[in-house]
Amino acid sequence: MAKVEKGRAERIRLELVRRGAVRIDFHIEEVAGQVLIPINDMISDSELLALGAEAVNGNAEARRNYRAPYEEIVREAVIPSDLKDRLPNKWELLGDVLLIRLEPELLPYKAGIAETYARTLHARAVCLETGGITGVHRTPQVEVIFGVGSETVHKENGILYKLDVAKVMFSSGNMEEKRRMASLDCRGETIADMFAGIGYFSLPLALHAKAKRVVACEINPLAFGYLVQNIELNHLQEIIQPFLGDNRTLPCGHWADRVLMGYVGTTEQFLPKAFELVKNGGVVHYHMLCPIDEFPERGVRQILESAGEMKIEVLRQEEVKSYAPAISHYVIDFRVLF
């Protein structure tokens, strides 16, 4: 909930609406001259304070006649009635561009379906996921099926991410891990982000975790271009140093207090480079895909095989998100000692 004085409530409410931060399925309440506005996680506590509001805990009353967006979509979609239960009830809204998946039976109606989702969810464009993320450049398989253009600016946890949804990966499923990175105390640290992308982790580490310096490496020229723009959008030019190329060409010398390996697929191939970068006593965040019945043993074995004579201390091992049946994306945090 956002608490604000009554005299300023309407101005702040409108600004919160503009930022997509107001929960329209709950009532706004007034208590003792203070207005309580139900909000989502699109805005941070510090941003609320900057607007003149305060984040507080509270339980707002649900709107009795409120129809959830999905209910509205099902009602409005012009498709055979026996297909309506196949409409997706999950989607990603990145800025003003919507990303959805459709079952094969719905594809003949994709244009009309996309228009319905766009109208209901106030999206400028709709993109259809036609496959997964492919290749070393982590390219999404996406088709624009409504609107013109797929470039947008998405705000998450107080950070601006500019990207082209049809050309560059953005995983909302990693939101909690990005928040965890933002919550670290990295004051005085130099960080190597080996797979920076458009700044998924580099930006929160610099902005919220207060890192002294982040060397953000990205091999995909398109993603690298957005990384540079996002550094500027968030005014982090003095902290983040973008590096275009293969992270295995980064300067060696054990200069990083922290190494981030935010990539899954063949991450173990890059562990030797992480050990070349990390300082004695430094921390590595190692992301990996692993069958659920082989974690954490497989990950720890991969780390030890690359460590050589260095010692490791496992600090944390957690699931980030499910990836496929019986396979998950995990992260292992470990300290390196030599």
Protein backbone atom coordinates (compact mmCIF):
# COMPACT_ATOMS: atom_id res chain seq x y z
CA MET A 1 0.00 0.00 0.00
CA ALA A 2 1.10 3.57 -0.67
CA LYS A 3 0.13 6.03 2.07
CA VAL A 4 -0.16 9.71 1.14
CA GLU A 5 -1.75 12.84 2.58
CA LYS A 6 -5.25 13.46 1.22
CA GLY A 7 -4.36 16.81 -0.36
CA ARG A 8 -1.71 15.21 -2.58
CA ALA A 9 -3.42 11.86 -3.14
CA GLU A 10 -4.94 12.47 -6.57
CA ARG A 11 -1.75 13.81 -8.11
CA ILE A 12 0.26 10.88 -6.77
CA ARG A 13 -2.44 8.37 -7.74
CA LEU A 14 -2.33 9.58 -11.34
CA GLU A 15 1.44 9.28 -11.40
CA LEU A 16 1.24 5.75 -10.00
CA VAL A 17 -1.36 4.84 -12.64
CA ARG A 18 0.95 6.22 -15.34
CA ARG A 19 3.71 3.93 -14.05
CA GLY A 20 1.38 0.90 -14.01
CA ALA A 21 1.78 0.55 -10.25
CA VAL A 22 -1.85 0.73 -9.02
CA ARG A 23 -3.85 -2.43 -8.22
CA ILE A 24 -7.21 -1.68 -9.84
CA ASP A 25 -8.77 -4.82 -8.37
CA PHE A 26 -8.76 -3.25 -4.87
CA HIS A 27 -10.40 -0.15 -3.42
CA ILE A 28 -8.52 3.01 -2.44
CA GLU A 29 -9.26 3.87 1.19
CA GLU A 30 -9.05 6.98 3.38
CA VAL A 31 -8.07 6.70 7.04
CA ALA A 32 -7.58 9.71 9.34
CA GLY A 33 -6.72 12.13 6.56
CA GLN A 34 -4.38 9.65 4.87
CA VAL A 35 -5.18 7.91 1.56
CA LEU A 36 -4.10 4.29 1.10
CA ILE A 37 -3.55 3.30 -2.52
CA PRO A 38 -3.11 -0.43 -3.31
CA ILE A 39 0.03 -0.94 -5.41
CA ASN A 40 1.98 -3.73 -7.08
CA ASP A 41 5.74 -4.31 -7.28
CA MET A 42 6.27 -2.02 -10.29
CA ILE A 43 7.52 0.72 -7.98
CA SER A 44 10.12 0.64 -5.23
CA ASP A 45 9.88 2.07 -1.71
CA SER A 46 12.49 4.71 -2.57
CA GLU A 47 10.50 5.82 -5.62
CA LEU A 48 7.39 6.16 -3.46
CA LEU A 49 9.29 8.35 -1.04
CA ALA A 50 10.50 10.50 -3.93
CA LEU A 51 6.87 11.01 -4.99
CA GLY A 52 5.84 11.99 -1.46
CA ALA A 53 4.23 8.67 -0.48
CA GLU A 54 5.16 5.96 2.00
CA ALA A 55 5.05 2.18 1.58
CA VAL A 56 2.99 0.55 4.35
CA ASN A 57 1.50 -2.88 5.01
CA GLY A 58 -2.25 -3.21 4.79
CA ASN A 59 -5.18 -5.21 3.44
CA ALA A 60 -7.33 -3.38 0.92
CA GLU A 61 -10.93 -4.38 0.14
CA ALA A 62 -11.35 -6.19 -3.17
CA ARG A 63 -13.70 -4.67 -5.76
CA ARG A 64 -16.81 -6.87 -5.81
CA ASN A 65 -17.73 -6.16 -9.43
CA TYR A 66 -14.19 -6.21 -10.70
CA ARG A 67 -13.61 -8.52 -13.65
CA ALA A 68 -10.08 -9.85 -13.87
CA PRO A 69 -8.29 -9.13 -17.18
CA TYR A 70 -8.31 -12.81 -18.13
CA GLU A 71 -12.06 -13.03 -17.59
CA GLU A 72 -12.48 -9.99 -19.83
CA ILE A 73 -10.25 -11.55 -22.50
CA VAL A 74 -12.22 -14.81 -22.50
CA ARG A 75 -15.50 -12.90 -22.74
CA GLU A 76 -14.33 -10.61 -25.57
CA ALA A 77 -12.25 -12.98 -27.71
CA VAL A 78 -13.94 -13.72 -31.06
CA ILE A 79 -13.07 -17.40 -31.38
CA PRO A 80 -15.08 -20.64 -31.23
CA SER A 81 -16.47 -21.08 -27.73
CA ASP A 82 -14.91 -24.52 -27.35
CA LEU A 83 -11.45 -22.95 -27.69
CA LYS A 84 -11.87 -20.22 -25.12
CA ASP A 85 -10.51 -22.35 -22.31
CA ARG A 86 -7.29 -22.67 -24.35
CA LEU A 87 -6.56 -18.94 -24.15
CA PRO A 88 -3.37 -18.29 -22.15
CA ASN A 89 -3.91 -17.01 -18.61
CA LYS A 90 -0.23 -16.10 -18.26
CA TRP A 91 1.70 -13.49 -20.21
CA GLU A 92 4.62 -11.08 -19.95
CA LEU A 93 3.96 -7.36 -20.27
CA LEU A 94 7.31 -5.71 -20.88
CA GLY A 95 6.79 -1.97 -20.97
CA ASP A 96 3.94 -1.60 -23.46
CA VAL A 97 4.74 -4.79 -25.43
CA LEU A 98 2.94 -8.03 -24.55
CA LEU A 99 4.50 -11.48 -24.96
CA ILE A 100 2.22 -14.53 -25.17
CA ARG A 101 2.22 -18.20 -26.18
CA LEU A 102 -0.66 -19.82 -28.09
CA GLU A 103 -1.59 -23.46 -28.51
CA PRO A 104 -1.65 -24.70 -32.13
CA GLU A 105 -5.46 -24.73 -32.22
CA LEU A 106 -5.51 -20.97 -31.57
CA LEU A 107 -2.99 -19.95 -34.23
CA PRO A 108 -5.59 -19.44 -37.02
CA TYR A 109 -7.16 -16.76 -34.79
CA LYS A 110 -3.92 -15.18 -33.57
CA ALA A 111 -4.53 -11.70 -35.03
CA GLY A 112 -7.91 -11.30 -33.33
CA ILE A 113 -6.68 -12.85 -30.10
CA ALA A 114 -3.72 -10.47 -30.03
CA GLU A 115 -5.99 -7.45 -30.55
CA THR A 116 -8.18 -8.58 -27.62
CA TYR A 117 -5.17 -9.00 -25.30
CA ALA A 118 -3.74 -5.65 -26.38
CA ARG A 119 -7.01 -3.80 -25.76
CA THR A 120 -7.63 -5.42 -22.39
CA LEU A 121 -4.07 -5.14 -21.08
CA HIS A 122 -3.35 -1.73 -22.67
CA ALA A 123 -0.45 -3.03 -24.77
CA ARG A 124 0.85 -1.19 -27.84
CA ALA A 125 2.07 -4.39 -29.51
CA VAL A 126 1.75 -8.14 -29.00
CA CYS A 127 4.48 -10.69 -29.71
CA LEU A 128 3.95 -14.43 -30.07
CA GLU A 129 6.56 -16.79 -28.67
CA THR A 130 7.15 -19.39 -31.38
CA GLY A 131 10.03 -21.20 -29.67
CA GLY A 132 12.63 -20.93 -26.95
CA ILE A 133 15.86 -18.99 -26.53
CA THR A 134 18.48 -20.19 -29.00
CA GLY A 135 22.19 -19.89 -29.70
CA VAL A 136 25.13 -18.27 -27.97
CA HIS A 137 23.47 -14.87 -28.48
CA ARG A 138 20.39 -16.04 -26.53
CA THR A 139 18.00 -14.99 -29.30
CA PRO A 140 14.25 -15.37 -28.70
CA GLN A 141 12.00 -16.93 -31.34
CA VAL A 142 9.23 -14.33 -31.52
CA GLU A 143 6.74 -13.00 -34.07
CA VAL A 144 4.99 -9.62 -33.84
CA ILE A 145 1.27 -10.35 -34.37
CA PHE A 146 -0.28 -7.02 -33.36
CA GLY A 147 0.91 -3.43 -33.51
CA VAL A 148 4.01 -1.96 -35.08
CA GLY A 149 7.45 -2.42 -33.60
CA SER A 150 8.55 -4.36 -30.54
CA GLU A 151 11.04 -2.00 -28.90
CA THR A 152 10.03 -0.77 -25.47
CA VAL A 153 11.27 0.44 -22.09
CA HIS A 154 10.36 -1.85 -19.21
CA LYS A 155 10.58 -0.84 -15.57
CA GLU A 156 11.33 -3.41 -12.90
CA ASN A 157 12.36 -2.81 -9.29
CA GLY A 158 13.02 0.85 -10.05
CA ILE A 159 15.31 0.05 -13.00
CA LEU A 160 14.70 0.94 -16.68
CA TYR A 161 15.44 -1.74 -19.26
CA LYS A 162 15.23 -0.76 -22.93
CA LEU A 163 15.00 -3.71 -25.32
CA ASP A 164 13.45 -5.11 -28.47
CA VAL A 165 11.21 -7.91 -27.20
CA ALA A 166 11.33 -9.70 -30.57
CA LYS A 167 15.13 -9.70 -30.75
CA VAL A 168 16.53 -9.72 -27.21
CA MET A 169 15.80 -12.05 -24.31
CA PHE A 170 14.16 -10.74 -21.15
CA SER A 171 13.26 -13.29 -18.49
CA SER A 172 10.74 -12.09 -15.92
CA GLY A 173 11.14 -15.50 -14.27
CA ASN A 174 14.47 -14.28 -12.90
CA MET A 175 12.86 -11.36 -11.06
CA GLU A 176 13.51 -12.75 -7.58
CA GLU A 177 17.15 -13.42 -8.42
CA LYS A 178 17.52 -9.86 -9.72
CA ARG A 179 15.99 -8.60 -6.48
CA ARG A 180 18.43 -10.76 -4.52
CA MET A 181 21.34 -9.22 -6.39
CA ALA A 182 19.89 -5.77 -5.68
CA SER A 183 19.70 -6.59 -1.94
CA LEU A 184 23.40 -7.47 -1.62
CA ASP A 185 25.82 -5.06 0.01
CA CYS A 186 28.47 -4.61 -2.66
CA ARG A 187 29.94 -1.32 -1.47
CA GLY A 188 33.60 -1.11 -2.46
CA GLU A 189 33.38 -4.19 -4.70
CA THR A 190 34.54 -4.66 -8.28
CA ILE A 191 32.24 -7.11 -10.05
CA ALA A 192 32.64 -9.12 -13.26
CA ASP A 193 29.30 -9.89 -14.96
CA MET A 194 30.33 -12.52 -17.51
CA PHE A 195 26.96 -12.71 -19.31
CA ALA A 196 25.53 -9.22 -18.93
CA GLY A 197 22.89 -9.22 -21.67
CA ILE A 198 21.03 -5.91 -21.55
CA GLY A 199 22.03 -5.45 -17.90
CA TYR A 200 19.72 -7.90 -16.11
CA PHE A 201 22.04 -8.19 -13.09
CA SER A 202 24.63 -5.47 -13.74
CA LEU A 203 22.07 -2.70 -13.33
CA PRO A 204 20.64 -3.79 -9.94
CA LEU A 205 24.14 -4.53 -8.64
CA ALA A 206 25.25 -1.01 -9.55
CA LEU A 207 22.09 0.91 -8.67
CA HIS A 208 20.80 -0.86 -5.56
CA ALA A 209 23.71 -2.98 -4.26
CA LYS A 210 26.04 0.04 -4.62
CA ALA A 211 28.93 -1.78 -6.31
CA LYS A 212 32.01 0.36 -6.84
CA ARG A 213 32.57 -0.94 -10.38
CA VAL A 214 30.86 -3.48 -12.65
CA VAL A 215 32.56 -4.85 -15.75
CA ALA A 216 29.60 -6.00 -17.85
CA CYS A 217 30.57 -8.39 -20.66
CA GLU A 218 28.20 -9.30 -23.51
CA ILE A 219 28.97 -11.16 -26.73
CA ASN A 220 25.76 -10.31 -28.65
CA PRO A 221 26.23 -6.91 -30.39
CA LEU A 222 22.48 -6.17 -30.34
CA ALA A 223 22.12 -6.91 -26.62
CA PHE A 224 25.33 -4.98 -25.99
CA GLY A 225 23.82 -1.92 -27.70
CA TYR A 226 20.86 -2.03 -25.33
CA LEU A 227 23.22 -2.59 -22.38
CA VAL A 228 24.99 0.66 -23.23
CA GLN A 229 21.68 2.51 -23.57
CA ASN A 230 20.42 1.08 -20.26
CA ILE A 231 23.56 2.18 -18.46
CA GLU A 232 22.82 5.69 -19.69
CA LEU A 233 19.07 5.50 -18.96
CA ASN A 234 19.85 4.64 -15.33
CA HIS A 235 22.75 7.15 -15.06
CA LEU A 236 25.32 4.49 -14.21
CA GLN A 237 28.10 5.44 -16.65
CA GLU A 238 30.52 6.06 -13.78
CA ILE A 239 30.00 2.56 -12.35
CA ILE A 240 29.33 0.10 -15.19
CA GLN A 241 31.99 -0.52 -17.81
CA PRO A 242 30.47 -2.36 -20.82
CA PHE A 243 32.69 -4.88 -22.62
CA LEU A 244 31.72 -6.30 -26.04
CA GLY A 245 33.05 -9.77 -26.76
CA ASP A 246 33.63 -13.27 -25.42
CA ASN A 247 34.11 -13.14 -21.65
CA ARG A 248 37.07 -15.50 -21.98
CA THR A 249 39.01 -12.54 -23.40
CA LEU A 250 38.48 -10.42 -20.28
CA PRO A 251 41.74 -9.40 -18.57
CA CYS A 252 42.94 -12.00 -16.06
CA GLY A 253 44.63 -11.25 -12.78
CA HIS A 254 42.15 -12.03 -9.96
CA TRP A 255 40.66 -8.51 -9.90
CA ALA A 256 36.98 -9.29 -9.17
CA ASP A 257 35.51 -9.34 -5.68
CA ARG A 258 32.43 -10.99 -7.17
CA VAL A 259 31.83 -12.89 -10.42
CA LEU A 260 28.35 -13.34 -11.83
CA MET A 261 27.67 -16.24 -14.22
CA GLY A 262 24.03 -15.55 -15.07
CA TYR A 263 23.74 -17.95 -18.01
CA VAL A 264 22.42 -21.48 -18.31
CA GLY A 265 23.15 -24.20 -20.83
CA THR A 266 26.93 -24.59 -21.01
CA THR A 267 27.95 -22.43 -18.07
CA GLU A 268 30.45 -24.99 -16.80
CA GLN A 269 32.65 -24.27 -19.83
CA PHE A 270 33.26 -20.78 -18.46
CA LEU A 271 34.17 -21.78 -14.89
CA PRO A 272 37.95 -21.75 -15.58
CA LYS A 273 37.65 -18.09 -16.60
CA ALA A 274 35.66 -17.28 -13.46
CA PHE A 275 38.49 -18.73 -11.36
CA GLU A 276 40.98 -16.55 -13.28
CA LEU A 277 38.95 -13.43 -12.49
CA VAL A 278 37.94 -13.88 -8.85
CA LYS A 279 40.06 -12.61 -5.97
CA ASN A 280 41.13 -14.69 -3.00
CA GLY A 281 38.04 -14.65 -0.77
CA GLY A 282 35.80 -13.50 -3.61
CA VAL A 283 32.35 -14.91 -4.42
CA VAL A 284 31.08 -16.54 -7.61
CA HIS A 285 27.37 -16.83 -8.46
CA TYR A 286 27.19 -19.91 -10.70
CA HIS A 287 23.94 -20.47 -12.64
CA MET A 288 23.20 -23.83 -14.24
CA LEU A 289 20.55 -26.17 -15.60
CA CYS A 290 20.33 -29.46 -13.77
CA PRO A 291 17.98 -32.44 -13.34
CA ILE A 292 16.27 -31.93 -10.01
CA ASP A 293 17.50 -35.28 -8.68
CA GLU A 294 21.15 -34.39 -9.41
CA PHE A 295 21.29 -31.02 -7.67
CA PRO A 296 23.45 -29.81 -6.00
CA GLU A 297 25.94 -32.66 -6.48
CA ARG A 298 26.39 -32.10 -10.22
CA GLY A 299 26.99 -28.38 -9.80
CA VAL A 300 29.46 -28.80 -6.95
CA ARG A 301 31.34 -31.43 -8.97
CA GLN A 302 31.60 -29.08 -11.97
CA ILE A 303 32.92 -26.30 -9.73
CA LEU A 304 35.53 -28.54 -8.06
CA GLU A 305 36.74 -29.86 -11.42
CA SER A 306 37.57 -26.30 -12.51
CA ALA A 307 38.93 -25.11 -9.17
CA GLY A 308 42.24 -26.93 -9.44
CA GLU A 309 44.15 -26.36 -6.22
CA MET A 310 41.86 -23.54 -5.13
CA LYS A 311 39.42 -24.27 -2.35
CA ILE A 312 35.72 -23.46 -2.45
CA GLU A 313 33.16 -22.80 0.26
CA VAL A 314 29.53 -23.23 -0.82
CA LEU A 315 27.50 -20.36 0.61
CA ARG A 316 24.08 -20.90 -0.97
CA GLN A 317 22.37 -23.29 -3.39
CA GLU A 318 18.86 -22.51 -4.58
CA GLU A 319 16.39 -23.08 -7.41
CA VAL A 320 15.80 -19.97 -9.51
CA LYS A 321 12.89 -21.34 -11.55
CA SER A 322 11.59 -24.46 -13.25
CA TYR A 323 12.96 -24.89 -16.76
CA ALA A 324 11.46 -28.11 -18.11
CA PRO A 325 9.95 -31.31 -16.68
CA ALA A 326 12.35 -32.61 -14.02
CA ILE A 327 14.91 -29.88 -14.89
CA SER A 328 15.40 -26.57 -13.10
CA HIS A 329 17.55 -23.46 -13.29
CA TYR A 330 19.69 -23.29 -10.15
CA VAL A 331 22.27 -20.94 -8.68
CA ILE A 332 25.19 -21.89 -6.43
CA ASP A 333 27.04 -19.13 -4.58
CA PHE A 334 30.55 -20.12 -3.52
CA ARG A 335 33.59 -18.42 -2.04
CA VAL A 336 37.04 -19.02 -3.55
CA LEU A 337 40.10 -19.37 -1.34
CA PHE A 338 43.72 -19.70 -2.46
